[in-house]
C-alpha atoms as a PDB file:
ATOM      1  CA  MET A   1      -6.312  24.493  -9.357  1.00  0.00           C
ATOM      2  CA  ALA A   2      -6.843  27.204  -6.756  1.00  0.00           C
ATOM      3  CA  ARG A   3     -10.598  26.556  -6.784  1.00  0.00           C
ATOM      4  CA  TYR A   4     -10.062  22.831  -6.373  1.00  0.00           C
ATOM      5  CA  THR A   5      -7.684  23.377  -3.444  1.00  0.00           C
ATOM      6  CA  ALA A   6     -10.169  25.748  -1.836  1.00  0.00           C
ATOM      7  CA  TRP A   7     -12.933  23.167  -2.317  1.00  0.00           C
ATOM      8  CA  VAL A   8     -10.839  20.423  -0.692  1.00  0.00           C
ATOM      9  CA  LEU A   9      -9.965  22.679   2.249  1.00  0.00           C
ATOM     10  CA  GLY A  10     -13.646  23.592   2.642  1.00  0.00           C
ATOM     11  CA  LEU A  11     -14.579  19.920   2.607  1.00  0.00           C
ATOM     12  CA  MET A  12     -11.977  19.198   5.278  1.00  0.00           C
ATOM     13  CA  LYS A  13     -13.424  21.973   7.436  1.00  0.00           C
ATOM     14  CA  VAL A  14     -16.933  20.550   7.125  1.00  0.00           C
ATOM     15  CA  LEU A  15     -15.888  16.968   7.835  1.00  0.00           C
ATOM     16  CA  GLY A  16     -13.623  17.851  10.738  1.00  0.00           C
ATOM     17  CA  ILE A  17     -11.502  15.048  12.136  1.00  0.00           C
ATOM     18  CA  TRP A  18     -13.247  12.533   9.837  1.00  0.00           C
ATOM     19  CA  GLY A  19     -12.111  14.371   6.722  1.00  0.00           C
ATOM     20  CA  VAL A  20      -8.865  12.434   6.378  1.00  0.00           C
ATOM     21  CA  PHE A  21     -10.787   9.128   6.500  1.00  0.00           C
ATOM     22  CA  VAL A  22     -13.490  10.200   4.035  1.00  0.00           C
ATOM     23  CA  ILE A  23     -11.059  11.658   1.498  1.00  0.00           C
ATOM     24  CA  ALA A  24      -8.730   8.639   1.706  1.00  0.00           C
ATOM     25  CA  PHE A  25     -11.755   6.381   1.174  1.00  0.00           C
ATOM     26  CA  ALA A  26     -12.862   8.411  -1.867  1.00  0.00           C
ATOM     27  CA  ASP A  27      -9.331   8.406  -3.282  1.00  0.00           C
ATOM     28  CA  SER A  28      -9.197   4.611  -3.225  1.00  0.00           C
ATOM     29  CA  ALA A  29     -12.759   4.182  -4.498  1.00  0.00           C
ATOM     30  CA  LEU A  30     -11.896   5.252  -8.080  1.00  0.00           C
ATOM     31  CA  LEU A  31     -12.536   8.974  -7.499  1.00  0.00           C
ATOM     32  CA  GLY A  32      -8.972  10.244  -7.132  1.00  0.00           C
ATOM     33  CA  MET A  33      -8.391  12.782  -4.363  1.00  0.00           C
ATOM     34  CA  PRO A  34      -5.256  14.648  -3.150  1.00  0.00           C
ATOM     35  CA  VAL A  35      -4.906  12.359  -0.141  1.00  0.00           C
ATOM     36  CA  ASP A  36      -1.225  13.201   0.494  1.00  0.00           C
ATOM     37  CA  PHE A  37      -2.047  16.901   0.653  1.00  0.00           C
ATOM     38  CA  VAL A  38      -4.948  16.201   3.006  1.00  0.00           C
ATOM     39  CA  VAL A  39      -2.920  14.022   5.379  1.00  0.00           C
ATOM     40  CA  ALA A  40      -0.092  16.555   5.381  1.00  0.00           C
ATOM     41  CA  THR A  41      -2.487  19.410   6.177  1.00  0.00           C
ATOM     42  CA  TYR A  42      -4.168  17.584   9.047  1.00  0.00           C
ATOM     43  CA  VAL A  43      -0.852  16.509  10.565  1.00  0.00           C
ATOM     44  CA  TYR A  44       0.787  19.924  10.208  1.00  0.00           C
ATOM     45  CA  GLN A  45      -2.173  21.690  11.822  1.00  0.00           C
ATOM     46  CA  ASP A  46      -2.537  19.183  14.678  1.00  0.00           C
ATOM     47  CA  ARG A  47       0.680  17.238  15.129  1.00  0.00           C
ATOM     48  CA  ARG A  48      -0.405  15.752  18.455  1.00  0.00           C
ATOM     49  CA  ARG A  49      -2.856  13.558  16.552  1.00  0.00           C
ATOM     50  CA  MET A  50      -0.382  12.510  13.878  1.00  0.00           C
ATOM     51  CA  LEU A  51      -0.715   8.769  14.457  1.00  0.00           C
ATOM     52  CA  LEU A  52      -4.507   9.050  14.581  1.00  0.00           C
ATOM     53  CA  TYR A  53      -4.606  10.813  11.213  1.00  0.00           C
ATOM     54  CA  VAL A  54      -2.163   8.321   9.708  1.00  0.00           C
ATOM     55  CA  ALA A  55      -4.263   5.396  10.976  1.00  0.00           C
ATOM     56  CA  MET A  56      -7.539   6.935   9.790  1.00  0.00           C
ATOM     57  CA  ALA A  57      -6.145   7.645   6.330  1.00  0.00           C
ATOM     58  CA  SER A  58      -4.780   4.102   6.128  1.00  0.00           C
ATOM     59  CA  LEU A  59      -8.112   2.623   7.182  1.00  0.00           C
ATOM     60  CA  GLY A  60      -9.964   4.823   4.686  1.00  0.00           C
ATOM     61  CA  SER A  61      -7.640   3.672   1.905  1.00  0.00           C
ATOM     62  CA  ALA A  62      -8.135   0.015   2.816  1.00  0.00           C
ATOM     63  CA  LEU A  63     -11.922   0.185   3.006  1.00  0.00           C
ATOM     64  CA  GLY A  64     -12.132   2.410  -0.066  1.00  0.00           C
ATOM     65  CA  SER A  65     -10.360  -0.303  -2.066  1.00  0.00           C
ATOM     66  CA  VAL A  66     -13.155  -2.807  -1.398  1.00  0.00           C
ATOM     67  CA  PRO A  67     -15.347  -1.728  -4.393  1.00  0.00           C
ATOM     68  CA  LEU A  68     -12.385  -2.180  -6.737  1.00  0.00           C
ATOM     69  CA  TYR A  69     -11.640  -5.558  -5.141  1.00  0.00           C
ATOM     70  CA  LEU A  70     -15.212  -6.667  -5.852  1.00  0.00           C
ATOM     71  CA  ILE A  71     -14.946  -5.477  -9.457  1.00  0.00           C
ATOM     72  CA  GLY A  72     -11.787  -7.513  -9.938  1.00  0.00           C
ATOM     73  CA  TYR A  73     -13.198 -10.542  -8.125  1.00  0.00           C
ATOM     74  CA  TRP A  74     -16.382 -10.647 -10.185  1.00  0.00           C
ATOM     75  CA  GLY A  75     -14.811  -9.540 -13.461  1.00  0.00           C
ATOM     76  CA  GLY A  76     -11.910 -11.967 -13.408  1.00  0.00           C
ATOM     77  CA  GLU A  77      -8.701 -11.761 -15.399  1.00  0.00           C
ATOM     78  CA  LYS A  78     -10.238  -9.894 -18.335  1.00  0.00           C
ATOM     79  CA  VAL A  79     -10.785  -6.831 -16.121  1.00  0.00           C
ATOM     80  CA  LEU A  80      -7.062  -6.635 -15.376  1.00  0.00           C
ATOM     81  CA  ARG A  81      -5.831  -7.675 -18.827  1.00  0.00           C
ATOM     82  CA  LYS A  82      -7.739  -4.758 -20.407  1.00  0.00           C
ATOM     83  CA  ARG A  83      -5.689  -2.254 -18.393  1.00  0.00           C
ATOM     84  CA  ILE A  84      -2.150  -3.614 -18.661  1.00  0.00           C
ATOM     85  CA  SER A  85       0.073  -5.444 -21.101  1.00  0.00           C
ATOM     86  CA  GLU A  86       0.455  -9.214 -21.065  1.00  0.00           C
ATOM     87  CA  GLU A  87       4.045  -8.891 -19.850  1.00  0.00           C
ATOM     88  CA  ARG A  88       3.000  -6.725 -16.906  1.00  0.00           C
ATOM     89  CA  PHE A  89       0.096  -9.043 -16.127  1.00  0.00           C
ATOM     90  CA  LEU A  90       2.433 -12.047 -15.876  1.00  0.00           C
ATOM     91  CA  LYS A  91       4.908 -10.069 -13.778  1.00  0.00           C
ATOM     92  CA  ILE A  92       2.216  -9.075 -11.278  1.00  0.00           C
ATOM     93  CA  HIS A  93       0.909 -12.635 -11.256  1.00  0.00           C
ATOM     94  CA  ARG A  94       4.361 -13.985 -10.370  1.00  0.00           C
ATOM     95  CA  SER A  95       4.755 -11.446  -7.572  1.00  0.00           C
ATOM     96  CA  PHE A  96       1.461 -12.562  -6.016  1.00  0.00           C
ATOM     97  CA  GLU A  97       2.450 -16.211  -6.346  1.00  0.00           C
ATOM     98  CA  ARG A  98       5.725 -15.567  -4.503  1.00  0.00           C
ATOM     99  CA  ASN A  99       4.265 -13.523  -1.642  1.00  0.00           C
ATOM    100  CA  GLU A 100       0.827 -12.008  -2.125  1.00  0.00           C
ATOM    101  CA  PHE A 101       0.931  -9.917   1.059  1.00  0.00           C
ATOM    102  CA  TRP A 102       4.210  -8.206   0.126  1.00  0.00           C
ATOM    103  CA  ALA A 103       3.096  -7.903  -3.518  1.00  0.00           C
ATOM    104  CA  LEU A 104       0.224  -5.668  -2.381  1.00  0.00           C
ATOM    105  CA  MET A 105       1.754  -3.953   0.640  1.00  0.00           C
ATOM    106  CA  PHE A 106       4.843  -2.686  -1.190  1.00  0.00           C
ATOM    107  CA  PRO A 107       2.973  -0.775  -3.949  1.00  0.00           C
ATOM    108  CA  GLY A 108       0.726   0.619  -1.211  1.00  0.00           C
ATOM    109  CA  MET A 109       3.778   2.250   0.353  1.00  0.00           C
ATOM    110  CA  LEU A 110       4.642   4.171  -2.806  1.00  0.00           C
ATOM    111  CA  PRO A 111       3.299   7.606  -3.759  1.00  0.00           C
ATOM    112  CA  PRO A 112       1.869   8.486  -7.192  1.00  0.00           C
ATOM    113  CA  PRO A 113       2.486   7.803 -10.038  1.00  0.00           C
ATOM    114  CA  MET A 114       2.575   4.207  -8.793  1.00  0.00           C
ATOM    115  CA  PRO A 115      -0.577   2.621 -10.369  1.00  0.00           C
ATOM    116  CA  PHE A 116      -1.729   1.102  -7.093  1.00  0.00           C
ATOM    117  CA  LYS A 117      -5.253   0.314  -8.309  1.00  0.00           C
ATOM    118  CA  VAL A 118      -3.775  -2.202 -10.763  1.00  0.00           C
ATOM    119  CA  PHE A 119      -2.374  -4.157  -7.814  1.00  0.00           C
ATOM    120  CA  VAL A 120      -5.715  -3.931  -6.000  1.00  0.00           C
ATOM    121  CA  LEU A 121      -7.373  -5.493  -9.033  1.00  0.00           C
ATOM    122  CA  GLY A 122      -4.584  -8.055  -9.174  1.00  0.00           C
ATOM    123  CA  ALA A 123      -5.178  -9.058  -5.554  1.00  0.00           C
ATOM    124  CA  ALA A 124      -8.829  -9.769  -6.379  1.00  0.00           C
ATOM    125  CA  VAL A 125      -8.142 -11.512  -9.682  1.00  0.00           C
ATOM    126  CA  PHE A 126      -5.531 -13.783  -8.087  1.00  0.00           C
ATOM    127  CA  GLU A 127      -7.949 -14.515  -5.201  1.00  0.00           C
ATOM    128  CA  MET A 128      -6.037 -13.041  -2.286  1.00  0.00           C
ATOM    129  CA  LYS A 129      -7.835 -13.602   1.011  1.00  0.00           C
ATOM    130  CA  PHE A 130     -10.035 -10.627   1.829  1.00  0.00           C
ATOM    131  CA  ARG A 131      -8.669 -10.252   5.360  1.00  0.00           C
ATOM    132  CA  ASP A 132      -5.061 -10.283   4.129  1.00  0.00           C
ATOM    133  CA  PHE A 133      -6.065  -7.840   1.376  1.00  0.00           C
ATOM    134  CA  LEU A 134      -7.308  -5.271   3.902  1.00  0.00           C
ATOM    135  CA  VAL A 135      -4.361  -5.718   6.264  1.00  0.00           C
ATOM    136  CA  ALA A 136      -1.785  -5.425   3.449  1.00  0.00           C
ATOM    137  CA  ILE A 137      -3.275  -2.165   2.174  1.00  0.00           C
ATOM    138  CA  PHE A 138      -3.576  -0.748   5.690  1.00  0.00           C
ATOM    139  CA  ALA A 139       0.047  -1.644   6.466  1.00  0.00           C
ATOM    140  CA  GLY A 140       1.393  -0.237   3.203  1.00  0.00           C
ATOM    141  CA  ARG A 141      -0.573   2.993   3.471  1.00  0.00           C
ATOM    142  CA  PHE A 142       0.372   3.370   7.140  1.00  0.00           C
ATOM    143  CA  VAL A 143       4.073   3.314   6.222  1.00  0.00           C
ATOM    144  CA  ARG A 144       3.495   5.774   3.373  1.00  0.00           C
ATOM    145  CA  PHE A 145       1.475   8.276   5.408  1.00  0.00           C
ATOM    146  CA  LEU A 146       3.777   7.977   8.424  1.00  0.00           C
ATOM    147  CA  VAL A 147       6.863   8.790   6.343  1.00  0.00           C
ATOM    148  CA  LEU A 148       4.991  11.645   4.681  1.00  0.00           C
ATOM    149  CA  SER A 149       3.881  13.032   8.048  1.00  0.00           C
ATOM    150  CA  LEU A 150       7.376  12.942   9.512  1.00  0.00           C
ATOM    151  CA  LEU A 151       8.740  14.755   6.463  1.00  0.00           C
ATOM    152  CA  VAL A 152       6.010  17.386   6.694  1.00  0.00           C
ATOM    153  CA  LEU A 153       6.719  17.986  10.380  1.00  0.00           C
ATOM    154  CA  TRP A 154      10.423  18.277   9.648  1.00  0.00           C
ATOM    155  CA  PHE A 155      10.371  20.363   6.458  1.00  0.00           C
ATOM    156  CA  GLY A 156       6.861  21.841   6.431  1.00  0.00           C
ATOM    157  CA  PRO A 157       3.883  21.164   4.128  1.00  0.00           C
ATOM    158  CA  GLN A 158       5.590  22.833   1.168  1.00  0.00           C
ATOM    159  CA  ILE A 159       7.668  19.675   0.699  1.00  0.00           C
ATOM    160  CA  ILE A 160       4.741  18.111  -1.182  1.00  0.00           C
ATOM    161  CA  SER A 161       4.769  20.713  -3.942  1.00  0.00           C
ATOM    162  CA  HIS A 162       8.326  22.077  -3.880  1.00  0.00           C
ATOM    163  CA  PHE A 163      10.139  18.799  -3.403  1.00  0.00           C
ATOM    164  CA  GLY A 164       7.535  16.373  -4.703  1.00  0.00           C
ATOM    165  CA  GLY A 165       9.632  15.167  -7.625  1.00  0.00           C
ATOM    166  CA  ALA A 166      12.790  14.714  -5.566  1.00  0.00           C
ATOM    167  CA  PHE A 167      10.830  13.086  -2.758  1.00  0.00           C
ATOM    168  CA  LYS A 168       9.277  10.572  -5.142  1.00  0.00           C
ATOM    169  CA  HIS A 169      12.633   9.823  -6.744  1.00  0.00           C
ATOM    170  CA  HIS A 170      14.438   9.162  -3.449  1.00  0.00           C
ATOM    171  CA  TRP A 171      11.422   7.329  -2.038  1.00  0.00           C
ATOM    172  CA  MET A 172      11.431   5.002  -5.057  1.00  0.00           C
ATOM    173  CA  LEU A 173      15.149   4.310  -4.550  1.00  0.00           C
ATOM    174  CA  LEU A 174      14.645   3.645  -0.846  1.00  0.00           C
ATOM    175  CA  SER A 175      11.628   1.446  -1.496  1.00  0.00           C
ATOM    176  CA  GLY A 176      13.541  -0.482  -4.125  1.00  0.00           C
ATOM    177  CA  ALA A 177      16.226  -1.236  -1.568  1.00  0.00           C
ATOM    178  CA  VAL A 178      13.583  -2.323   0.936  1.00  0.00           C
ATOM    179  CA  LEU A 179      11.969  -4.575  -1.684  1.00  0.00           C
ATOM    180  CA  GLU A 180      15.314  -6.168  -2.495  1.00  0.00           C
ATOM    181  CA  LEU A 181      16.025  -6.740   1.191  1.00  0.00           C
ATOM    182  CA  GLY A 182      12.537  -8.127   1.757  1.00  0.00           C
ATOM    183  CA  ALA A 183      12.820 -10.510  -1.186  1.00  0.00           C
ATOM    184  CA  ASP A 184      16.222 -11.750   0.012  1.00  0.00           C
ATOM    185  CA  SER A 185      14.807 -12.263   3.515  1.00  0.00           C
ATOM    186  CA  LEU A 186      11.885 -14.277   2.159  1.00  0.00           C
ATOM    187  CA  VAL A 187      14.192 -16.498   0.116  1.00  0.00           C
ATOM    188  CA  ALA A 188      16.558 -16.972   3.063  1.00  0.00           C
ATOM    189  CA  GLY A 189      13.663 -17.712   5.410  1.00  0.00           C
ATOM    190  CA  ALA A 190      12.241 -20.297   3.040  1.00  0.00           C
ATOM    191  CA  ALA A 191      15.656 -21.961   2.696  1.00  0.00           C
ATOM    192  CA  ILE A 192      16.154 -22.085   6.475  1.00  0.00           C
ATOM    193  CA  GLN A 193      12.660 -23.474   6.996  1.00  0.00           C
ATOM    194  CA  LYS A 194      13.274 -26.134   4.351  1.00  0.00           C
ATOM    195  CA  LYS A 195      16.595 -27.079   5.962  1.00  0.00           C
ATOM    196  CA  ILE A 196      15.028 -27.311   9.434  1.00  0.00           C
ATOM    197  CA  GLY A 197      12.239 -29.443   8.004  1.00  0.00           C
ATOM    198  CA  GLY A 198      14.813 -31.766   6.438  1.00  0.00           C
ATOM    199  CA  ILE A 199      16.704 -32.137   9.724  1.00  0.00           C
ATOM    200  CA  ARG A 200      13.484 -32.923  11.593  1.00  0.00           C
ATOM    201  CA  SER A 201      12.419 -35.507   9.049  1.00  0.00           C
ATOM    202  CA  ARG A 202      15.828 -37.244   9.252  1.00  0.00           C
ATOM    203  CA  ARG A 203      15.579 -37.282  13.057  1.00  0.00           C
ATOM    204  CA  CYS A 204      12.105 -38.778  12.884  1.00  0.00           C
ATOM    205  CA  ARG A 205      13.278 -41.541  10.566  1.00  0.00           C
ATOM    206  CA  ARG A 206      16.272 -42.252  12.812  1.00  0.00           C
ATOM    207  CA  TYR A 207      14.100 -42.482  15.927  1.00  0.00           C
ATOM    208  CA  SER A 208      11.618 -44.727  14.165  1.00  0.00           C
ATOM    209  CA  LEU A 209      14.417 -47.114  13.203  1.00  0.00           C
ATOM    210  CA  THR A 210      15.707 -47.284  16.767  1.00  0.00           C
END
């Protein structure tokens, strides 16, 4: 573990400011890298560029997900069904049918062990628009890395290792509340839109009769 950490730190030194982008890209492109540790290190060492590092990591994550998107798009449902149960497949499918942007952005906000790559494959299998796919991942990762950065600046980089379990637990609870609120808002918005549409249609019919 110490050798791996030293290797990652050496790679960051070689890559300079681009390290956070490259490592986030590699993490999303099936390789698996300690992207949270990398973002935290960059931000803690140069807090003035916090938003730049958060944006670069988010962009790297979005672009690094493209190869997996192509695999899912070309492979179809069988690629996803091989990796998850039928029940989970149907659940993910329903979430994309309800709101595909939120179905991808929300998992992107969560830290490991959230199996985010499953949702990336799902976005491709269920034919999410490529532009929306990139924006949803960028937005979700931006929220995740921004929260992480603020915690690191407040508590120090040791929060990742010393409080990782507690952080993940509370973050899951918070995210669950956000998901519930977001789902309720979507339902309420759809109901309001439907009601407004009904009022307009009745007005149009009334004006046409007069």
